[in-house]
Protein backbone atom coordinates (compact mmCIF):
# COMPACT_ATOMS: atom_id res chain seq x y z
CA MET A 1 -32.31 -56.19 23.97
CA THR A 2 -34.53 -53.15 24.13
CA ARG A 3 -35.32 -51.00 21.21
CA ALA A 4 -33.34 -48.02 22.59
CA SER A 5 -30.20 -50.06 23.20
CA ARG A 6 -30.48 -51.60 19.73
CA GLN A 7 -30.72 -48.13 18.14
CA LEU A 8 -27.71 -46.98 20.15
CA LEU A 9 -25.72 -49.99 18.99
CA LEU A 10 -26.63 -49.37 15.35
CA PHE A 11 -25.72 -45.69 15.70
CA ARG A 12 -22.29 -46.55 17.16
CA GLN A 13 -21.64 -49.01 14.35
CA PHE A 14 -22.63 -46.37 11.83
CA LEU A 15 -20.25 -43.82 13.35
CA PHE A 16 -17.20 -46.03 13.77
CA THR A 17 -17.44 -48.10 10.60
CA ARG A 18 -17.67 -45.19 8.19
CA VAL A 19 -14.55 -44.23 6.27
CA ILE A 20 -14.25 -40.52 5.80
CA VAL A 21 -12.79 -39.71 2.42
CA ILE A 22 -11.08 -36.35 2.18
CA PRO A 23 -9.80 -35.28 -1.22
CA VAL A 24 -6.00 -35.02 -1.47
CA PRO A 25 -5.94 -31.31 -2.48
CA VAL A 26 -7.83 -30.45 0.71
CA LEU A 27 -5.32 -32.39 2.81
CA VAL A 28 -2.40 -30.61 1.12
CA PHE A 29 -4.01 -27.22 1.68
CA VAL A 30 -4.58 -27.94 5.37
CA PHE A 31 -1.01 -29.19 5.77
CA VAL A 32 0.44 -26.08 4.11
CA LEU A 33 -1.63 -23.78 6.30
CA ALA A 34 -0.62 -25.67 9.43
CA SER A 35 3.08 -25.52 8.55
CA GLY A 36 2.98 -21.72 8.25
CA PHE A 37 3.84 -21.62 4.57
CA PHE A 38 1.56 -18.63 4.02
CA ALA A 39 2.94 -16.68 6.97
CA THR A 40 4.19 -13.34 5.73
CA ALA A 41 7.72 -12.19 6.44
CA PRO A 42 8.02 -9.13 8.67
CA ALA A 43 8.19 -5.85 6.78
CA GLN A 44 11.65 -4.42 6.32
CA SER A 45 12.14 -1.30 8.39
CA THR A 46 14.38 1.61 7.48
CA SER A 47 15.49 2.03 11.08
CA SER A 48 18.16 -0.21 12.51
CA GLY A 49 16.21 -1.40 15.54
CA PRO A 50 12.87 -1.39 17.28
CA VAL A 51 10.89 1.82 17.59
CA GLN A 52 12.02 3.73 20.66
CA PRO A 53 9.44 5.49 22.83
CA VAL A 54 9.61 9.27 22.74
CA PRO A 55 10.82 10.59 26.11
CA ALA A 56 8.29 13.00 27.57
CA ILE A 57 8.61 15.42 30.44
CA ASP A 58 5.51 16.89 32.06
CA GLY A 59 5.65 20.45 33.36
CA GLY A 60 2.25 20.09 35.02
CA LEU A 61 1.28 23.71 34.24
CA GLY A 62 -1.30 23.38 31.49
CA ARG A 63 -2.59 21.41 28.55
CA CYS A 64 -0.16 22.49 25.81
CA SER A 65 2.61 20.31 24.42
CA LEU A 66 5.55 20.49 22.05
CA GLU A 67 7.31 17.65 20.28
CA LEU A 68 10.86 18.37 19.16
CA THR A 69 13.05 16.56 16.65
CA VAL A 70 16.74 17.31 17.07
CA THR A 71 19.06 16.69 14.11
CA ALA A 72 22.81 17.02 13.87
CA ALA A 73 24.63 19.12 11.28
CA ASP A 74 24.78 16.14 8.91
CA GLY A 75 20.97 15.75 9.03
CA LYS A 76 20.97 12.57 11.13
CA PRO A 77 19.02 12.39 14.41
CA ALA A 78 21.03 13.73 17.35
CA TYR A 79 21.26 10.84 19.79
CA ALA A 80 21.12 11.87 23.46
CA ALA A 81 20.84 15.58 22.74
CA VAL A 82 19.80 17.61 25.77
CA VAL A 83 16.91 20.09 25.40
CA ARG A 84 16.34 22.83 28.01
CA VAL A 85 13.68 25.49 28.51
CA HIS A 86 13.07 28.21 31.11
CA ILE A 87 9.40 29.08 31.66
CA ALA A 88 8.20 32.20 33.51
CA TYR A 89 4.43 32.11 34.01
CA GLY A 90 1.64 33.44 36.17
CA PHE A 91 0.95 37.02 37.22
CA GLY A 92 4.08 39.09 36.69
CA GLY A 93 6.10 36.01 35.77
CA PHE A 94 6.85 35.34 39.44
CA HIS A 95 6.56 31.59 38.96
CA LYS A 96 9.45 29.95 37.13
CA LEU A 97 10.13 26.43 35.91
CA ASP A 98 13.21 24.93 34.27
CA LEU A 99 12.72 21.73 32.29
CA GLU A 100 15.40 19.52 30.76
CA ALA A 101 15.05 16.29 28.79
CA GLY A 102 17.25 14.05 26.67
CA ALA A 103 16.32 12.96 23.17
CA ASN A 104 16.02 9.29 22.17
CA VAL A 105 17.90 7.56 19.33
CA ASP A 106 15.55 9.15 16.80
CA GLY A 107 16.35 12.63 18.17
CA LYS A 108 12.81 13.12 19.52
CA VAL A 109 11.65 14.53 22.84
CA LYS A 110 8.24 15.76 24.00
CA PHE A 111 7.36 18.47 26.51
CA THR A 112 3.83 18.22 27.89
CA GLY A 113 1.94 20.17 30.53
CA LEU A 114 3.10 23.56 29.24
CA PRO A 115 1.09 26.67 30.18
CA SER A 116 -1.02 28.31 27.47
CA SER A 117 0.20 31.79 28.44
CA VAL A 118 3.75 32.68 29.41
CA ARG A 119 5.37 35.89 30.66
CA ARG A 120 7.45 36.79 27.59
CA PRO A 121 6.48 34.68 24.61
CA PRO A 122 7.81 32.82 22.74
CA LEU A 123 9.48 30.12 24.80
CA THR A 124 12.95 29.29 23.53
CA PHE A 125 14.04 25.66 23.65
CA TYR A 126 17.82 25.24 23.64
CA ALA A 127 19.34 21.97 22.43
CA SER A 128 22.94 20.81 22.66
CA SER A 129 24.76 17.65 21.72
CA LYS A 130 26.01 15.36 24.43
CA GLU A 131 29.55 16.67 23.94
CA GLY A 132 28.30 20.28 23.94
CA GLN A 133 30.03 21.05 20.63
CA GLN A 134 26.80 21.58 18.69
CA VAL A 135 23.90 23.79 19.72
CA GLY A 136 20.53 24.86 18.34
CA GLU A 137 17.27 26.46 19.39
CA ALA A 138 13.58 26.61 18.55
CA ALA A 139 10.92 29.17 19.44
CA TYR A 140 7.43 28.14 20.54
CA ASP A 141 4.46 30.31 21.52
CA PRO A 142 1.79 28.19 23.24
CA ALA A 143 -0.81 30.97 22.87
CA VAL A 144 -0.58 30.69 19.06
CA GLN A 145 -0.35 26.90 18.68
CA CYS A 146 -0.99 24.82 21.79
CA HIS A 147 0.08 21.44 20.37
CA ALA A 148 3.03 21.84 18.03
CA HIS A 149 6.02 20.12 16.48
CA ARG A 150 9.34 21.84 15.87
CA ASP A 151 12.69 20.79 14.42
CA ILE A 152 16.01 21.87 15.86
CA ALA A 153 19.08 21.64 13.64
CA LEU A 154 22.28 21.59 15.62
CA ALA A 155 25.24 23.62 14.35
CA LYS A 156 28.77 24.09 15.58
CA ALA A 157 28.92 26.24 18.70
CA ALA A 158 30.53 29.65 18.41
CA ALA A 159 33.93 29.88 20.12
CA GLN A 160 33.78 31.70 23.45
CA PRO A 161 36.53 34.32 24.09
């Protein structure tokens, strides 16, 4: 037997005949970590479901944007409220654009790509409930505040004669 093979044999015996002693508290700690005992419970949310993405409509006319939150008369978010705006822009207001978007379950909708200058500021955003019984509006001047947030509170629509 050569010296190298003898050393290899002694090394193998050393490795496989050793008893590794691990203290019991360390074993318990590893077991508890592996079982997920320290996993935290998910935080309780005030909303009833997952966070809904905010619907966004792009006018493609500029860099300004407006985020709207539509609430019903009772203060709750207006689900599926429809928000409309008429935009006259360009020289003499000859170019016109009508945008319409529906709000998500949180009553939010975002208009992007709005022009920074309009023909007759401010722009008026009209919101109505899905039944059309409640209406509201918000004014927005992109020349004053390019990126803004407005709230629209819906109220009962006036009776038409």
